[in-house]
Amino acid sequence: MNGIMIGEFLGALLILGGALLSFFSAIGIIRFPDVYTRAHAASKSSSLGVLLILTGTFFYFWLADGFISIRLLLALAFIFLTTPVGTHLMCRAAYRSGIGVDEQPPEYQEETSG
């Protein structure tokens, strides 16, 4: 097994894992009952999924082509700086709007009751 095959295998494995985590995150966003748990699903697993996808892409290009992409590293850093802050702000806005735990947003209640 040479470096190109290892790079392709490692990249494909990480990208597949990231795609699965992103898929489970989408299911969590649909299935969870309230804003806070949906935000949890959207932030934790999807950011880890994106981490795995970008890391797999980075390893693929590094080991297969010998190319180190600074853009991928910057994207990784930017996503891990902005995702927790954005999720915190969404949850804070929901809390200040008076939405409690295990409550549906008003728009969703109108859609499901009628």
Foldseek 3Di string as FASTA:
>chain_A
DALLVVLLVQLVVLLVVLVVLLVVLVVQLVPDQEDLSNLVSVQPSNLSSLVSNLVSVQSNCCRNVVDHDPVSVVVNVVSVVPRVVVSVVVVVVCVVVPADPRGYPPVVVVVVVD
